[in-house]
Amino acid sequence: MKTEHEAAAIEELRELAGALRPLEAPGRVEQALREAFRRRQRRRRRIVVPLAAAAVIALAVLNLLPRPEGPRAEGAPPETIATDYMPVGFGRPLYPGEFVQVVRISVPRMEMVRFGLPVFEDGAEGRVQADVVLGEDGIARAIRFVQH
């Protein structure tokens, strides 16, 4: 049950809403604003998506470039060069705290092309090592290519 003060406040709010109704924009104005917003969002998406794709490819290429080596102790293992991990397929993402396994495999060097990485003709026939991240369900979630 409403108190007398609550009932009075509700009545005053109804009167205020009625008084403000003539100040609302006509439906055609609201529709025009919504359409202008949608056009702007589509235009922004057409620019951002290709730029993001170009940035990902550029970063992947930069990660494959050899890094300068400093002096190494005799008998020390060679430096390992690896790409960042890249998602595999369109499966579900890994959940925080999910158990994962990393498995090193050997794949044809041409597999790197599927991930947008450059493969030079002189080494296209060989094989390269790759670390594959497997989720708890055993499905591959990410891969990185490794060179020693």
N, C-alpha and C. Protein backbone atom coordinates (compact mmCIF):
# COMPACT_ATOMS: atom_id res chain seq x y z
N MET A 1 0.84 -1.17 0.00
CA MET A 1 0.00 0.00 0.00
C MET A 1 0.89 1.24 0.00
N LYS A 2 0.54 2.19 -0.84
CA LYS A 2 1.33 3.40 -0.99
C LYS A 2 0.97 4.40 0.10
N THR A 3 2.00 5.10 0.54
CA THR A 3 1.74 6.17 1.50
C THR A 3 1.21 7.38 0.76
N GLU A 4 0.72 8.33 1.51
CA GLU A 4 0.18 9.55 0.91
C GLU A 4 1.27 10.32 0.16
N HIS A 5 2.50 10.32 0.70
CA HIS A 5 3.62 11.02 0.05
C HIS A 5 4.02 10.34 -1.26
N GLU A 6 4.02 8.99 -1.26
CA GLU A 6 4.37 8.26 -2.48
C GLU A 6 3.34 8.52 -3.57
N ALA A 7 2.07 8.50 -3.22
CA ALA A 7 1.00 8.73 -4.19
C ALA A 7 1.11 10.14 -4.77
N ALA A 8 1.43 11.12 -3.92
CA ALA A 8 1.57 12.49 -4.39
C ALA A 8 2.77 12.61 -5.33
N ALA A 9 3.88 11.94 -4.99
CA ALA A 9 5.08 12.00 -5.83
C ALA A 9 4.82 11.37 -7.19
N ILE A 10 4.11 10.25 -7.21
CA ILE A 10 3.78 9.59 -8.48
C ILE A 10 2.90 10.50 -9.34
N GLU A 11 1.95 11.15 -8.73
CA GLU A 11 1.06 12.04 -9.48
C GLU A 11 1.84 13.22 -10.06
N GLU A 12 2.77 13.78 -9.29
CA GLU A 12 3.58 14.88 -9.78
C GLU A 12 4.47 14.45 -10.93
N LEU A 13 5.02 13.24 -10.85
CA LEU A 13 5.85 12.72 -11.94
C LEU A 13 5.03 12.52 -13.21
N ARG A 14 3.81 12.07 -13.09
CA ARG A 14 2.93 11.90 -14.27
C ARG A 14 2.64 13.26 -14.91
N GLU A 15 2.39 14.26 -14.09
CA GLU A 15 2.13 15.59 -14.62
C GLU A 15 3.37 16.14 -15.34
N LEU A 16 4.54 15.92 -14.76
CA LEU A 16 5.78 16.37 -15.37
C LEU A 16 6.01 15.68 -16.72
N ALA A 17 5.79 14.36 -16.77
CA ALA A 17 5.95 13.62 -18.03
C ALA A 17 5.00 14.17 -19.09
N GLY A 18 3.77 14.47 -18.71
CA GLY A 18 2.80 15.05 -19.66
C GLY A 18 3.25 16.41 -20.15
N ALA A 19 3.82 17.22 -19.26
CA ALA A 19 4.26 18.55 -19.65
C ALA A 19 5.47 18.49 -20.59
N LEU A 20 6.30 17.47 -20.45
CA LEU A 20 7.51 17.34 -21.27
C LEU A 20 7.25 16.68 -22.63
N ARG A 21 6.13 16.02 -22.78
CA ARG A 21 5.82 15.28 -24.02
C ARG A 21 5.93 16.17 -25.26
N PRO A 22 5.46 17.42 -25.26
CA PRO A 22 5.59 18.26 -26.48
C PRO A 22 7.05 18.59 -26.83
N LEU A 23 7.96 18.42 -25.88
CA LEU A 23 9.36 18.74 -26.13
C LEU A 23 10.13 17.59 -26.78
N GLU A 24 9.52 16.40 -26.88
CA GLU A 24 10.19 15.26 -27.50
C GLU A 24 10.38 15.51 -28.99
N ALA A 25 11.47 14.95 -29.53
CA ALA A 25 11.73 15.07 -30.96
C ALA A 25 10.73 14.21 -31.72
N PRO A 26 10.30 14.65 -32.90
CA PRO A 26 9.40 13.80 -33.71
C PRO A 26 10.09 12.48 -34.07
N GLY A 27 9.30 11.47 -34.34
CA GLY A 27 9.82 10.14 -34.66
C GLY A 27 10.76 10.15 -35.85
N ARG A 28 10.50 11.00 -36.86
CA ARG A 28 11.35 11.04 -38.05
C ARG A 28 12.75 11.54 -37.69
N VAL A 29 12.85 12.46 -36.72
CA VAL A 29 14.16 12.98 -36.30
C VAL A 29 14.95 11.88 -35.60
N GLU A 30 14.27 11.18 -34.69
CA GLU A 30 14.94 10.08 -33.99
C GLU A 30 15.41 9.02 -34.99
N GLN A 31 14.57 8.68 -35.96
CA GLN A 31 14.93 7.68 -36.96
C GLN A 31 16.14 8.14 -37.78
N ALA A 32 16.18 9.42 -38.16
CA ALA A 32 17.31 9.96 -38.93
C ALA A 32 18.60 9.91 -38.10
N LEU A 33 18.52 10.22 -36.82
CA LEU A 33 19.70 10.14 -35.95
C LEU A 33 20.20 8.71 -35.82
N ARG A 34 19.28 7.77 -35.65
CA ARG A 34 19.68 6.35 -35.54
C ARG A 34 20.38 5.88 -36.83
N GLU A 35 19.83 6.26 -37.98
CA GLU A 35 20.42 5.85 -39.25
C GLU A 35 21.80 6.49 -39.45
N ALA A 36 21.96 7.75 -39.08
CA ALA A 36 23.27 8.41 -39.18
C ALA A 36 24.29 7.72 -38.29
N PHE A 37 23.88 7.31 -37.10
CA PHE A 37 24.78 6.60 -36.19
C PHE A 37 25.20 5.26 -36.79
N ARG A 38 24.23 4.51 -37.36
CA ARG A 38 24.55 3.22 -37.99
C ARG A 38 25.54 3.39 -39.15
N ARG A 39 25.31 4.42 -40.00
CA ARG A 39 26.23 4.67 -41.13
C ARG A 39 27.64 4.95 -40.61
N ARG A 40 27.73 5.74 -39.56
CA ARG A 40 29.06 6.07 -39.01
C ARG A 40 29.74 4.82 -38.47
N GLN A 41 28.99 3.94 -37.79
CA GLN A 41 29.57 2.71 -37.26
C GLN A 41 30.05 1.80 -38.39
N ARG A 42 29.26 1.69 -39.47
CA ARG A 42 29.67 0.84 -40.60
C ARG A 42 30.93 1.40 -41.26
N ARG A 43 30.99 2.71 -41.41
CA ARG A 43 32.15 3.36 -42.02
C ARG A 43 33.39 3.11 -41.16
N ARG A 44 33.26 3.23 -39.86
CA ARG A 44 34.38 3.01 -38.94
C ARG A 44 34.85 1.55 -39.03
N ARG A 45 33.90 0.60 -39.12
CA ARG A 45 34.25 -0.82 -39.21
C ARG A 45 35.02 -1.13 -40.49
N ARG A 46 34.64 -0.46 -41.60
CA ARG A 46 35.34 -0.70 -42.88
C ARG A 46 36.78 -0.24 -42.82
N ILE A 47 37.10 0.69 -41.95
CA ILE A 47 38.46 1.20 -41.83
C ILE A 47 39.24 0.40 -40.80
N VAL A 48 38.64 0.12 -39.66
CA VAL A 48 39.35 -0.50 -38.54
C VAL A 48 39.72 -1.95 -38.84
N VAL A 49 38.82 -2.73 -39.42
CA VAL A 49 39.09 -4.15 -39.64
C VAL A 49 40.31 -4.36 -40.56
N PRO A 50 40.41 -3.70 -41.73
CA PRO A 50 41.61 -3.90 -42.55
C PRO A 50 42.88 -3.40 -41.87
N LEU A 51 42.80 -2.32 -41.12
CA LEU A 51 43.98 -1.83 -40.41
C LEU A 51 44.43 -2.82 -39.35
N ALA A 52 43.51 -3.41 -38.63
CA ALA A 52 43.85 -4.40 -37.62
C ALA A 52 44.48 -5.63 -38.26
N ALA A 53 43.94 -6.08 -39.38
CA ALA A 53 44.51 -7.24 -40.08
C ALA A 53 45.93 -6.94 -40.56
N ALA A 54 46.14 -5.74 -41.10
CA ALA A 54 47.48 -5.37 -41.55
C ALA A 54 48.46 -5.32 -40.38
N ALA A 55 48.02 -4.83 -39.24
CA ALA A 55 48.89 -4.77 -38.06
C ALA A 55 49.26 -6.17 -37.58
N VAL A 56 48.32 -7.09 -37.59
CA VAL A 56 48.61 -8.47 -37.18
C VAL A 56 49.63 -9.11 -38.11
N ILE A 57 49.46 -8.92 -39.40
CA ILE A 57 50.40 -9.49 -40.37
C ILE A 57 51.78 -8.87 -40.19
N ALA A 58 51.84 -7.55 -40.01
CA ALA A 58 53.13 -6.88 -39.83
C ALA A 58 53.84 -7.39 -38.58
N LEU A 59 53.11 -7.57 -37.49
CA LEU A 59 53.72 -8.09 -36.26
C LEU A 59 54.23 -9.51 -36.45
N ALA A 60 53.46 -10.33 -37.15
CA ALA A 60 53.89 -11.71 -37.40
C ALA A 60 55.17 -11.74 -38.22
N VAL A 61 55.25 -10.89 -39.24
CA VAL A 61 56.45 -10.83 -40.07
C VAL A 61 57.65 -10.36 -39.24
N LEU A 62 57.44 -9.34 -38.43
CA LEU A 62 58.53 -8.83 -37.59
C LEU A 62 59.03 -9.89 -36.60
N ASN A 63 58.13 -10.73 -36.12
CA ASN A 63 58.54 -11.78 -35.19
C ASN A 63 59.37 -12.86 -35.87
N LEU A 64 59.28 -12.97 -37.17
CA LEU A 64 60.05 -13.99 -37.89
C LEU A 64 61.43 -13.50 -38.30
N LEU A 65 61.65 -12.20 -38.29
CA LEU A 65 62.95 -11.67 -38.68
C LEU A 65 64.00 -12.11 -37.67
N PRO A 66 65.21 -12.46 -38.16
CA PRO A 66 66.24 -12.89 -37.21
C PRO A 66 66.65 -11.73 -36.31
N ARG A 67 66.89 -12.09 -35.06
CA ARG A 67 67.33 -11.08 -34.10
C ARG A 67 68.85 -11.15 -34.01
N PRO A 68 69.49 -10.02 -33.80
CA PRO A 68 70.95 -10.05 -33.71
C PRO A 68 71.39 -10.89 -32.52
N GLU A 69 72.42 -11.67 -32.74
CA GLU A 69 72.94 -12.53 -31.68
C GLU A 69 74.14 -11.88 -31.02
N GLY A 70 74.17 -11.95 -29.73
CA GLY A 70 75.32 -11.47 -28.98
C GLY A 70 76.33 -12.60 -28.84
N PRO A 71 77.43 -12.36 -28.17
CA PRO A 71 78.40 -13.43 -27.97
C PRO A 71 77.78 -14.55 -27.14
N ARG A 72 78.12 -15.79 -27.52
CA ARG A 72 77.56 -16.96 -26.87
C ARG A 72 78.69 -17.82 -26.35
N ALA A 73 78.48 -18.39 -25.22
CA ALA A 73 79.50 -19.28 -24.65
C ALA A 73 79.65 -20.50 -25.54
N GLU A 74 80.86 -21.02 -25.61
CA GLU A 74 81.12 -22.20 -26.44
C GLU A 74 80.31 -23.38 -25.92
N GLY A 75 79.61 -24.06 -26.83
CA GLY A 75 78.81 -25.21 -26.46
C GLY A 75 77.41 -24.85 -25.99
N ALA A 76 77.09 -23.55 -25.91
CA ALA A 76 75.75 -23.14 -25.48
C ALA A 76 74.75 -23.44 -26.60
N PRO A 77 73.51 -23.78 -26.24
CA PRO A 77 72.52 -24.09 -27.29
C PRO A 77 72.21 -22.83 -28.11
N PRO A 78 71.87 -22.99 -29.38
CA PRO A 78 71.56 -21.82 -30.22
C PRO A 78 70.30 -21.13 -29.71
N GLU A 79 70.21 -19.83 -30.02
CA GLU A 79 69.05 -19.05 -29.60
C GLU A 79 67.81 -19.53 -30.35
N THR A 80 66.70 -19.58 -29.65
CA THR A 80 65.44 -19.99 -30.25
C THR A 80 64.67 -18.75 -30.68
N ILE A 81 64.16 -18.76 -31.91
CA ILE A 81 63.32 -17.68 -32.42
C ILE A 81 61.93 -18.27 -32.63
N ALA A 82 60.91 -17.58 -32.10
CA ALA A 82 59.56 -18.10 -32.21
C ALA A 82 58.58 -16.96 -32.49
N THR A 83 57.53 -17.28 -33.21
CA THR A 83 56.46 -16.31 -33.43
C THR A 83 55.63 -16.23 -32.15
N ASP A 84 54.72 -15.28 -32.10
CA ASP A 84 53.73 -15.26 -31.02
C ASP A 84 52.76 -16.39 -31.27
N TYR A 85 52.02 -16.78 -30.24
CA TYR A 85 50.98 -17.78 -30.44
C TYR A 85 49.85 -17.16 -31.25
N MET A 86 49.34 -17.92 -32.21
CA MET A 86 48.25 -17.47 -33.06
C MET A 86 47.08 -18.43 -32.89
N PRO A 87 45.84 -17.93 -32.85
CA PRO A 87 44.69 -18.81 -32.67
C PRO A 87 44.55 -19.77 -33.85
N VAL A 88 44.08 -20.97 -33.53
CA VAL A 88 43.85 -22.00 -34.55
C VAL A 88 42.36 -22.20 -34.67
N GLY A 89 41.80 -21.98 -35.85
CA GLY A 89 40.39 -22.22 -36.09
C GLY A 89 39.50 -21.24 -35.35
N PHE A 90 38.24 -21.62 -35.24
CA PHE A 90 37.25 -20.74 -34.63
C PHE A 90 36.62 -21.42 -33.42
N GLY A 91 37.37 -22.23 -32.69
CA GLY A 91 36.85 -22.90 -31.50
C GLY A 91 36.67 -21.92 -30.37
N ARG A 92 36.16 -22.42 -29.28
CA ARG A 92 35.97 -21.55 -28.11
C ARG A 92 37.32 -21.12 -27.56
N PRO A 93 37.37 -19.96 -26.93
CA PRO A 93 38.65 -19.50 -26.37
C PRO A 93 38.99 -20.28 -25.11
N LEU A 94 40.24 -20.20 -24.70
CA LEU A 94 40.65 -20.82 -23.44
C LEU A 94 40.08 -20.02 -22.28
N TYR A 95 39.68 -20.72 -21.24
CA TYR A 95 39.17 -20.04 -20.05
C TYR A 95 40.32 -19.82 -19.07
N PRO A 96 40.27 -18.74 -18.30
CA PRO A 96 41.32 -18.53 -17.29
C PRO A 96 41.38 -19.72 -16.34
N GLY A 97 42.58 -20.21 -16.11
CA GLY A 97 42.76 -21.35 -15.21
C GLY A 97 42.54 -22.70 -15.86
N GLU A 98 42.18 -22.72 -17.15
CA GLU A 98 41.95 -24.00 -17.82
C GLU A 98 43.28 -24.72 -18.01
N PHE A 99 43.28 -26.04 -17.80
CA PHE A 99 44.46 -26.85 -17.99
C PHE A 99 44.76 -26.93 -19.48
N VAL A 100 46.00 -26.65 -19.86
CA VAL A 100 46.40 -26.75 -21.26
C VAL A 100 47.67 -27.59 -21.34
N GLN A 101 47.92 -28.09 -22.52
CA GLN A 101 49.13 -28.84 -22.81
C GLN A 101 49.78 -28.19 -24.02
N VAL A 102 51.11 -28.08 -24.01
CA VAL A 102 51.84 -27.57 -25.16
C VAL A 102 52.63 -28.73 -25.73
N VAL A 103 52.42 -29.00 -27.02
CA VAL A 103 53.06 -30.12 -27.69
C VAL A 103 53.90 -29.57 -28.84
N ARG A 104 55.15 -29.99 -28.94
CA ARG A 104 56.01 -29.56 -30.06
C ARG A 104 55.90 -30.63 -31.15
N ILE A 105 55.60 -30.14 -32.37
CA ILE A 105 55.48 -31.04 -33.52
C ILE A 105 56.31 -30.48 -34.67
N SER A 106 56.47 -31.26 -35.70
CA SER A 106 57.16 -30.83 -36.90
C SER A 106 56.14 -30.80 -38.03
N VAL A 107 56.05 -29.65 -38.72
CA VAL A 107 55.07 -29.50 -39.79
C VAL A 107 55.79 -29.00 -41.05
N PRO A 108 55.20 -29.22 -42.23
CA PRO A 108 55.80 -28.66 -43.44
C PRO A 108 55.86 -27.13 -43.32
N ARG A 109 56.95 -26.56 -43.77
CA ARG A 109 57.16 -25.11 -43.68
C ARG A 109 56.01 -24.33 -44.35
N MET A 110 55.40 -24.90 -45.37
CA MET A 110 54.32 -24.22 -46.08
C MET A 110 53.08 -24.01 -45.19
N GLU A 111 52.96 -24.71 -44.06
CA GLU A 111 51.86 -24.48 -43.13
C GLU A 111 51.86 -23.05 -42.61
N MET A 112 53.04 -22.42 -42.58
CA MET A 112 53.15 -21.05 -42.09
C MET A 112 52.34 -20.08 -42.96
N VAL A 113 52.17 -20.42 -44.23
CA VAL A 113 51.43 -19.56 -45.16
C VAL A 113 49.97 -19.44 -44.71
N ARG A 114 49.39 -20.52 -44.15
CA ARG A 114 48.00 -20.50 -43.69
C ARG A 114 47.77 -19.45 -42.61
N PHE A 115 48.85 -19.07 -41.92
CA PHE A 115 48.73 -18.08 -40.85
C PHE A 115 49.25 -16.72 -41.29
N GLY A 116 49.44 -16.55 -42.60
CA GLY A 116 49.85 -15.26 -43.14
C GLY A 116 51.33 -14.95 -42.95
N LEU A 117 52.14 -15.97 -42.71
CA LEU A 117 53.56 -15.76 -42.50
C LEU A 117 54.32 -16.00 -43.80
N PRO A 118 55.38 -15.25 -44.04
CA PRO A 118 56.12 -15.42 -45.29
C PRO A 118 56.97 -16.69 -45.27
N VAL A 119 57.03 -17.34 -46.42
CA VAL A 119 57.90 -18.50 -46.60
C VAL A 119 58.72 -18.23 -47.85
N PHE A 120 60.03 -18.21 -47.68
CA PHE A 120 60.89 -17.90 -48.80
C PHE A 120 61.13 -19.16 -49.62
N GLU A 121 61.24 -19.00 -50.95
CA GLU A 121 61.32 -20.13 -51.87
C GLU A 121 62.44 -21.10 -51.54
N ASP A 122 63.60 -20.59 -51.10
CA ASP A 122 64.72 -21.49 -50.85
C ASP A 122 64.48 -22.44 -49.69
N GLY A 123 63.55 -22.15 -48.79
CA GLY A 123 63.29 -23.04 -47.66
C GLY A 123 61.87 -23.56 -47.61
N ALA A 124 61.13 -23.40 -48.71
CA ALA A 124 59.71 -23.76 -48.71
C ALA A 124 59.48 -25.26 -48.60
N GLU A 125 60.43 -26.07 -49.00
CA GLU A 125 60.25 -27.52 -49.02
C GLU A 125 60.52 -28.17 -47.67
N GLY A 126 61.20 -27.48 -46.78
CA GLY A 126 61.60 -28.09 -45.51
C GLY A 126 60.48 -28.18 -44.51
N ARG A 127 60.86 -28.49 -43.28
CA ARG A 127 59.92 -28.60 -42.18
C ARG A 127 60.33 -27.59 -41.10
N VAL A 128 59.38 -27.25 -40.26
CA VAL A 128 59.63 -26.32 -39.17
C VAL A 128 58.94 -26.88 -37.92
N GLN A 129 59.52 -26.58 -36.77
CA GLN A 129 58.90 -27.03 -35.53
C GLN A 129 57.82 -26.03 -35.13
N ALA A 130 56.80 -26.55 -34.47
CA ALA A 130 55.69 -25.71 -34.01
C ALA A 130 55.26 -26.18 -32.63
N ASP A 131 54.92 -25.23 -31.77
CA ASP A 131 54.34 -25.53 -30.47
C ASP A 131 52.84 -25.35 -30.59
N VAL A 132 52.08 -26.38 -30.25
CA VAL A 132 50.62 -26.35 -30.36
C VAL A 132 50.04 -26.39 -28.95
N VAL A 133 49.12 -25.46 -28.65
CA VAL A 133 48.45 -25.42 -27.36
C VAL A 133 47.14 -26.18 -27.48
N LEU A 134 47.00 -27.21 -26.64
CA LEU A 134 45.78 -28.02 -26.62
C LEU A 134 44.97 -27.69 -25.37
N GLY A 135 43.67 -27.51 -25.53
CA GLY A 135 42.79 -27.26 -24.39
C GLY A 135 42.51 -28.55 -23.64
N GLU A 136 41.75 -28.45 -22.55
CA GLU A 136 41.40 -29.64 -21.75
C GLU A 136 40.70 -30.70 -22.59
N ASP A 137 39.97 -30.26 -23.62
CA ASP A 137 39.23 -31.19 -24.48
C ASP A 137 40.11 -31.81 -25.57
N GLY A 138 41.41 -31.45 -25.60
CA GLY A 138 42.32 -32.02 -26.58
C GLY A 138 42.30 -31.32 -27.93
N ILE A 139 41.54 -30.24 -28.06
CA ILE A 139 41.43 -29.52 -29.33
C ILE A 139 42.48 -28.41 -29.36
N ALA A 140 43.16 -28.29 -30.50
CA ALA A 140 44.19 -27.26 -30.67
C ALA A 140 43.55 -25.88 -30.61
N ARG A 141 44.15 -24.98 -29.81
CA ARG A 141 43.64 -23.62 -29.67
C ARG A 141 44.60 -22.59 -30.25
N ALA A 142 45.91 -22.88 -30.21
CA ALA A 142 46.88 -21.89 -30.69
C ALA A 142 48.14 -22.60 -31.17
N ILE A 143 48.91 -21.88 -31.99
CA ILE A 143 50.14 -22.44 -32.53
C ILE A 143 51.18 -21.32 -32.63
N ARG A 144 52.44 -21.70 -32.48
CA ARG A 144 53.53 -20.79 -32.77
C ARG A 144 54.60 -21.59 -33.49
N PHE A 145 55.32 -20.93 -34.39
CA PHE A 145 56.36 -21.60 -35.15
C PHE A 145 57.70 -21.26 -34.51
N VAL A 146 58.57 -22.27 -34.43
CA VAL A 146 59.83 -22.17 -33.69
C VAL A 146 60.99 -22.50 -34.61
N GLN A 147 62.05 -21.69 -34.50
CA GLN A 147 63.27 -21.95 -35.27
C GLN A 147 64.44 -21.88 -34.30
N HIS A 148 65.35 -22.83 -34.40
CA HIS A 148 66.54 -22.84 -33.54
C HIS A 148 67.71 -22.26 -34.27
